[in-house]
Protein backbone atom coordinates (compact mmCIF):
# COMPACT_ATOMS: atom_id res chain seq x y z
CA MET A 1 6.32 54.85 -38.10
CA GLY A 2 3.74 56.81 -36.01
CA ALA A 3 4.70 60.02 -34.17
CA ARG A 4 4.17 58.54 -30.87
CA GLU A 5 6.91 55.80 -32.09
CA THR A 6 9.33 58.18 -33.28
CA GLY A 7 10.01 60.26 -30.30
CA ARG A 8 10.38 56.52 -27.95
CA PRO A 9 14.17 56.25 -28.72
CA PHE A 10 14.48 59.89 -27.29
CA LEU A 11 12.22 59.12 -24.31
CA GLU A 12 14.02 56.08 -23.34
CA MET A 13 17.91 57.64 -23.24
CA LYS A 14 16.23 60.74 -21.39
CA VAL A 15 14.77 58.18 -18.67
CA LYS A 16 17.97 55.93 -18.65
CA LEU A 17 19.91 59.51 -18.02
CA VAL A 18 17.72 60.13 -15.26
CA VAL A 19 17.96 56.63 -13.73
CA ALA A 20 21.35 57.09 -13.70
CA ALA A 21 21.48 60.48 -12.05
CA LEU A 22 19.23 58.41 -9.46
CA ILE A 23 21.78 55.84 -8.94
CA SER A 24 25.10 58.40 -8.84
CA GLY A 25 22.69 61.31 -6.62
CA GLY A 26 22.80 60.58 -2.84
CA LEU A 27 19.75 61.16 -0.80
CA ALA A 28 18.86 64.57 0.36
CA VAL A 29 17.14 63.35 3.46
CA SER A 30 16.98 60.32 5.75
CA ALA A 31 15.40 57.29 3.79
CA ALA A 32 13.62 56.37 6.97
CA GLN A 33 11.80 59.38 7.18
CA ALA A 34 10.85 60.41 3.84
CA ALA A 35 10.38 59.77 -0.01
CA PRO A 36 13.88 60.66 -2.40
CA ARG A 37 14.08 64.19 -3.41
CA ALA A 38 14.32 64.62 -6.95
CA GLN A 39 17.32 66.44 -8.23
CA SER A 40 15.80 68.42 -10.94
CA ALA A 41 13.07 69.49 -12.84
CA MET A 42 13.89 66.23 -15.09
CA GLU A 43 13.77 63.70 -12.27
CA CYS A 44 10.52 65.54 -11.16
CA GLY A 45 9.10 64.81 -15.12
CA VAL A 46 10.32 61.17 -14.55
CA ALA A 47 8.59 60.76 -11.35
CA ALA A 48 5.37 61.95 -12.57
CA ASP A 49 5.41 59.89 -15.97
CA MET A 50 6.36 56.99 -13.02
CA ALA A 51 2.81 58.20 -11.31
CA VAL A 52 0.79 58.04 -14.56
CA VAL A 53 2.17 54.29 -15.43
CA ALA A 54 1.84 53.14 -11.55
CA HIS A 55 -1.25 54.70 -11.29
CA SER A 56 -2.71 52.62 -14.51
CA LEU A 57 -1.14 49.53 -13.47
CA ALA A 58 -3.28 50.20 -10.55
CA ARG A 59 -6.31 50.78 -11.97
CA GLU A 60 -6.40 47.71 -14.11
CA GLU A 61 -5.77 45.82 -10.82
CA ILE A 62 -2.62 44.21 -12.01
CA GLN A 63 -1.23 42.28 -9.30
CA ARG A 64 1.29 44.80 -7.09
CA GLN A 65 4.35 42.60 -7.38
CA LYS A 66 3.68 42.06 -11.19
CA ALA A 67 3.10 45.76 -11.64
CA ASP A 68 6.64 46.79 -9.75
CA ALA A 69 8.39 44.08 -12.24
CA ILE A 70 6.65 46.06 -14.93
CA MET A 71 8.09 49.43 -13.67
CA VAL A 72 11.30 48.02 -13.11
CA ARG A 73 11.55 47.12 -16.55
CA ILE A 74 10.36 50.54 -18.21
CA TYR A 75 12.12 52.49 -15.64
CA ASP A 76 15.52 50.46 -15.64
CA VAL A 77 16.19 51.04 -11.87
CA SER A 78 17.40 47.43 -10.73
CA GLU A 79 20.75 48.77 -9.81
CA SER A 80 19.58 52.04 -8.19
CA ASP A 81 18.85 51.99 -4.44
CA ARG A 82 17.10 55.51 -5.29
CA GLY A 83 15.41 55.06 -7.95
CA ARG A 84 14.15 51.88 -6.44
CA GLU A 85 13.15 53.87 -3.27
CA LEU A 86 11.36 56.11 -5.53
CA MET A 87 9.52 53.92 -7.27
CA ARG A 88 8.45 51.89 -4.65
CA ASP A 89 6.86 55.14 -2.93
CA ILE A 90 5.11 56.62 -6.37
CA MET A 91 3.65 52.67 -6.26
CA ASP A 92 2.72 52.52 -2.70
CA ALA A 93 0.82 56.02 -3.28
CA ALA A 94 -0.68 54.55 -6.70
CA TYR A 95 -2.12 51.37 -4.90
CA SER A 96 -3.28 53.13 -2.13
CA LYS A 97 -5.19 55.90 -3.49
CA GLN A 98 -6.61 53.06 -6.01
CA GLN A 99 -8.17 51.75 -2.93
CA ASP A 100 -9.50 54.40 -1.79
CA MET A 101 -11.55 55.41 -4.95
CA SER A 102 -14.11 53.34 -6.30
CA ALA A 103 -13.46 51.09 -9.48
CA SER A 104 -16.35 52.84 -11.47
CA SER A 105 -14.42 56.15 -10.96
CA GLY A 106 -10.97 57.75 -11.20
CA GLY A 107 -9.69 56.38 -14.70
CA THR A 108 -7.33 58.46 -16.86
CA ALA A 109 -8.22 61.72 -15.20
CA ALA A 110 -7.65 60.42 -12.41
CA GLY A 111 -4.35 59.12 -13.14
CA GLN A 112 -3.62 62.46 -14.78
CA LYS A 113 -4.22 64.47 -11.67
CA PHE A 114 -1.80 62.17 -9.78
CA ALA A 115 0.76 63.00 -11.94
CA GLU A 116 0.32 66.42 -12.34
CA GLU A 117 0.02 67.23 -8.45
CA LEU A 118 3.42 64.84 -8.03
CA PHE A 119 5.04 67.31 -10.70
CA ALA A 120 3.39 70.49 -9.37
CA THR A 121 4.37 69.53 -5.33
CA CYS A 122 8.23 68.27 -6.81
CA MET A 123 8.80 71.74 -8.96
CA LYS A 124 7.62 73.44 -5.80
CA SER A 125 9.47 71.82 -3.20
CA GLY A 126 13.05 72.08 -4.51
CA GLY A 127 11.95 67.88 -5.24
CA ASP A 128 10.27 67.21 -1.96
CA MET A 129 7.18 64.88 -3.09
CA ASP A 130 6.41 63.81 0.64
CA ARG A 131 3.05 65.94 0.76
CA ILE A 132 1.88 63.48 -2.05
CA LEU A 133 3.73 60.12 -1.75
CA GLY A 134 3.48 60.51 1.99
CA ARG A 135 6.29 60.11 4.80
CA ARG A 136 7.31 56.48 5.82
CA SER A 137 7.55 55.47 9.79
C-alpha cells in the first residue's frame, strides 16, 4: 500500500466529520447574500480541498452536472444543505474562473493558487470566503 493510500481512510473520516459539522451548523449570514461561512480551520481546509478538485474538473471540461455529482460523492454533502451550498459556490467559482482562462494557461498551478487564496481568505476572515467565491444576489 503506497503512502498516498495509507492516509486515505483518515482523510475520508476527517472530511466526513467536517461535513457532519456542516450539516449540524447553521448559516452565519443570510444564504441569499453570502456563501456559508466556514466555522473552523478544518472547514477552511475542506473548502480549499474542494477548490482543488472543482478546479481540476473544470479544467478537464467535465460537464457541470457530472462534475457536481462527482463532488457530492467525494464530499458526501447529499444530506447537508449548507455543505451543498458551499460546494455549489466553489464549483461556480471554479467553473467561472476556468471560462476566464484560456485552455493553455492555468493548469495545476492555477488550481493550487485558487485553493490557497480560498484557504487564506477563509482563515483571515473568520470563515468568510465571499471575496473569492463572490456574493449571490
